[in-house]
Amino acid sequence: MGPFELGIIVIIGLFLFGAGRIAAVGNGLGRATREFERGREEAEEQ
């Protein structure tokens, strides 16, 4: 998938969900990533 296709998908996502909803999803995804990394680090320490 090239950059043009990704741009089209982002534009469609903005129309469907709105900018606020996209930001909330990104925020949740970042939080989940941090939790995953924290859990992985704790598992490595044991």
N, C-alpha and C. Protein backbone atom coordinates (compact mmCIF):
# COMPACT_ATOMS: atom_id res chain seq x y z
N MET A 1 0.85 -1.17 0.00
CA MET A 1 0.00 0.00 0.00
C MET A 1 0.90 1.23 0.00
N GLY A 2 0.63 2.12 -0.91
CA GLY A 2 1.44 3.33 -1.03
C GLY A 2 0.89 4.48 -0.21
N PRO A 3 1.59 5.60 -0.24
CA PRO A 3 1.16 6.77 0.54
C PRO A 3 -0.18 7.34 0.06
N PHE A 4 -0.45 7.22 -1.23
CA PHE A 4 -1.73 7.73 -1.75
C PHE A 4 -2.90 6.95 -1.16
N GLU A 5 -2.78 5.63 -1.13
CA GLU A 5 -3.85 4.81 -0.56
C GLU A 5 -4.05 5.08 0.93
N LEU A 6 -2.93 5.23 1.65
CA LEU A 6 -3.03 5.53 3.08
C LEU A 6 -3.72 6.88 3.32
N GLY A 7 -3.41 7.87 2.47
CA GLY A 7 -4.06 9.18 2.58
C GLY A 7 -5.56 9.07 2.37
N ILE A 8 -5.98 8.29 1.39
CA ILE A 8 -7.41 8.10 1.13
C ILE A 8 -8.08 7.45 2.34
N ILE A 9 -7.43 6.45 2.93
CA ILE A 9 -8.00 5.77 4.10
C ILE A 9 -8.14 6.74 5.27
N VAL A 10 -7.15 7.60 5.47
CA VAL A 10 -7.21 8.58 6.56
C VAL A 10 -8.36 9.56 6.32
N ILE A 11 -8.52 10.02 5.10
CA ILE A 11 -9.61 10.96 4.79
C ILE A 11 -10.97 10.31 5.01
N ILE A 12 -11.13 9.07 4.58
CA ILE A 12 -12.40 8.36 4.81
C ILE A 12 -12.65 8.20 6.31
N GLY A 13 -11.58 7.87 7.07
CA GLY A 13 -11.72 7.73 8.52
C GLY A 13 -12.16 9.03 9.17
N LEU A 14 -11.64 10.16 8.70
CA LEU A 14 -12.04 11.46 9.25
C LEU A 14 -13.51 11.73 8.97
N PHE A 15 -13.96 11.41 7.77
CA PHE A 15 -15.37 11.62 7.44
C PHE A 15 -16.28 10.72 8.27
N LEU A 16 -15.88 9.49 8.49
CA LEU A 16 -16.73 8.54 9.20
C LEU A 16 -16.78 8.81 10.70
N PHE A 17 -15.63 9.08 11.30
CA PHE A 17 -15.56 9.16 12.76
C PHE A 17 -15.37 10.57 13.30
N GLY A 18 -14.89 11.48 12.51
CA GLY A 18 -14.61 12.82 12.99
C GLY A 18 -13.23 12.90 13.62
N ALA A 19 -12.67 14.09 13.65
CA ALA A 19 -11.30 14.28 14.14
C ALA A 19 -11.18 13.95 15.62
N GLY A 20 -12.19 14.26 16.42
CA GLY A 20 -12.13 13.99 17.85
C GLY A 20 -12.07 12.51 18.15
N ARG A 21 -12.84 11.74 17.42
CA ARG A 21 -12.85 10.30 17.64
C ARG A 21 -11.51 9.68 17.22
N ILE A 22 -10.94 10.14 16.11
CA ILE A 22 -9.64 9.64 15.66
C ILE A 22 -8.57 9.94 16.72
N ALA A 23 -8.61 11.13 17.31
CA ALA A 23 -7.65 11.50 18.35
C ALA A 23 -7.81 10.60 19.58
N ALA A 24 -9.05 10.29 19.94
CA ALA A 24 -9.30 9.43 21.09
C ALA A 24 -8.77 8.02 20.85
N VAL A 25 -8.95 7.52 19.64
CA VAL A 25 -8.43 6.19 19.30
C VAL A 25 -6.90 6.20 19.37
N GLY A 26 -6.27 7.23 18.83
CA GLY A 26 -4.81 7.33 18.90
C GLY A 26 -4.31 7.40 20.32
N ASN A 27 -5.03 8.14 21.16
CA ASN A 27 -4.66 8.26 22.56
C ASN A 27 -4.74 6.90 23.25
N GLY A 28 -5.81 6.18 23.00
CA GLY A 28 -5.98 4.86 23.59
C GLY A 28 -4.93 3.88 23.11
N LEU A 29 -4.59 3.97 21.84
CA LEU A 29 -3.56 3.09 21.28
C LEU A 29 -2.20 3.37 21.91
N GLY A 30 -1.87 4.64 22.12
CA GLY A 30 -0.61 4.99 22.78
C GLY A 30 -0.57 4.50 24.21
N ARG A 31 -1.68 4.63 24.91
CA ARG A 31 -1.75 4.16 26.29
C ARG A 31 -1.57 2.64 26.35
N ALA A 32 -2.21 1.92 25.44
CA ALA A 32 -2.09 0.47 25.40
C ALA A 32 -0.65 0.05 25.10
N THR A 33 0.01 0.77 24.22
CA THR A 33 1.40 0.46 23.88
C THR A 33 2.30 0.65 25.09
N ARG A 34 2.10 1.74 25.84
CA ARG A 34 2.90 1.97 27.04
C ARG A 34 2.69 0.87 28.08
N GLU A 35 1.43 0.46 28.27
CA GLU A 35 1.14 -0.61 29.22
C GLU A 35 1.79 -1.92 28.80
N PHE A 36 1.76 -2.21 27.51
CA PHE A 36 2.39 -3.42 27.00
C PHE A 36 3.89 -3.40 27.26
N GLU A 37 4.54 -2.28 26.97
CA GLU A 37 5.98 -2.16 27.20
C GLU A 37 6.31 -2.30 28.68
N ARG A 38 5.49 -1.70 29.54
CA ARG A 38 5.72 -1.79 30.98
C ARG A 38 5.61 -3.24 31.45
N GLY A 39 4.61 -3.96 30.97
CA GLY A 39 4.44 -5.36 31.33
C GLY A 39 5.57 -6.22 30.82
N ARG A 40 6.05 -5.93 29.63
CA ARG A 40 7.16 -6.70 29.06
C ARG A 40 8.43 -6.47 29.87
N GLU A 41 8.67 -5.25 30.28
CA GLU A 41 9.86 -4.95 31.09
C GLU A 41 9.79 -5.65 32.44
N GLU A 42 8.59 -5.68 33.05
CA GLU A 42 8.43 -6.37 34.34
C GLU A 42 8.67 -7.87 34.18
N ALA A 43 8.23 -8.44 33.07
CA ALA A 43 8.42 -9.87 32.83
C ALA A 43 9.90 -10.19 32.63
N GLU A 44 10.63 -9.29 31.99
CA GLU A 44 12.06 -9.51 31.78
C GLU A 44 12.85 -9.44 33.08
N GLU A 45 12.37 -8.64 34.03
CA GLU A 45 13.07 -8.50 35.31
C GLU A 45 12.97 -9.77 36.15
N GLN A 46 11.94 -10.54 35.95
CA GLN A 46 11.73 -11.74 36.78
C GLN A 46 12.55 -12.87 36.34
